[in-house]
Amino acid sequence: MPQREVDEMPRCQSCGILIPVQEMVKEHKGKPVIVCSDKCFRIYQTYWYPRYGQPAGGDS
C-alpha cells in the first residue's frame, strides 16, 4: 500500500476525522460522499445534509 502525506488524506464529510486508510465512498443523491464508517454515513444522511446541504467545495 503506498504511503500518503497527511495533506493527501481525506477527511470524513460527516465528523471531520482524518481517514488515513480505508475510507468509505458512499453515494448520496448521486454524489460521492467520503465517510469513515456506516454510522457517519447515517448521520450525514439524517442530520448533516438536511441541515447544511452541500459540503464546502461540492458541486452545486
Protein backbone atom coordinates (compact mmCIF):
# COMPACT_ATOMS: atom_id res chain seq x y z
CA MET A 1 0.00 0.00 0.00
CA PRO A 2 1.53 3.36 -0.98
CA GLN A 3 2.00 5.90 1.77
CA ARG A 4 0.14 9.20 1.63
CA GLU A 5 1.11 12.53 3.09
CA VAL A 6 -1.26 13.98 5.69
CA ASP A 7 -2.46 16.69 3.31
CA GLU A 8 -3.39 13.98 0.77
CA MET A 9 -5.58 12.03 3.22
CA PRO A 10 -9.32 12.62 3.04
CA ARG A 11 -11.48 13.78 5.93
CA CYS A 12 -14.84 12.27 6.82
CA GLN A 13 -17.55 14.55 5.43
CA SER A 14 -19.69 13.85 8.49
CA CYS A 15 -17.41 14.07 11.55
CA GLY A 16 -14.27 15.60 10.00
CA ILE A 17 -11.85 12.96 11.29
CA LEU A 18 -8.71 12.36 9.20
CA ILE A 19 -9.02 8.99 7.42
CA PRO A 20 -5.52 7.51 6.98
CA VAL A 21 -6.64 4.22 5.39
CA GLN A 22 -9.76 2.53 4.02
CA GLU A 23 -12.08 5.47 3.57
CA MET A 24 -15.62 4.52 2.53
CA VAL A 25 -17.04 6.19 -0.55
CA LYS A 26 -20.84 6.10 -0.45
CA GLU A 27 -23.33 7.70 -2.79
CA HIS A 28 -25.89 10.25 -1.60
CA LYS A 29 -28.24 11.96 -4.06
CA GLY A 30 -25.99 10.89 -6.93
CA LYS A 31 -22.81 12.41 -5.43
CA PRO A 32 -19.88 10.56 -3.80
CA VAL A 33 -19.51 11.11 -0.05
CA ILE A 34 -16.31 10.10 1.80
CA VAL A 35 -17.02 8.84 5.32
CA CYS A 36 -15.12 6.88 7.97
CA SER A 37 -17.95 4.48 8.94
CA ASP A 38 -21.52 3.43 8.25
CA LYS A 39 -22.55 5.33 11.40
CA CYS A 40 -21.13 8.57 10.00
CA PHE A 41 -22.93 7.96 6.70
CA ARG A 42 -26.26 7.61 8.55
CA ILE A 43 -25.52 10.83 10.46
CA TYR A 44 -24.64 12.55 7.17
CA GLN A 45 -27.95 11.43 5.60
CA THR A 46 -30.21 12.17 8.56
CA TYR A 47 -28.61 15.23 10.17
CA TRP A 48 -25.71 16.89 8.34
CA TYR A 49 -27.07 17.05 4.78
CA PRO A 50 -30.63 18.12 5.70
CA ARG A 51 -29.27 20.86 7.97
CA TYR A 52 -26.29 22.18 5.98
CA GLY A 53 -26.77 20.96 2.38
CA GLN A 54 -23.81 20.59 0.02
CA PRO A 55 -20.39 20.25 1.67
CA ALA A 56 -17.91 23.07 1.05
CA GLY A 57 -16.19 22.56 -2.28
CA GLY A 58 -19.01 20.36 -3.59
CA ASP A 59 -20.64 20.91 -6.96
CA SER A 60 -23.95 22.78 -6.90
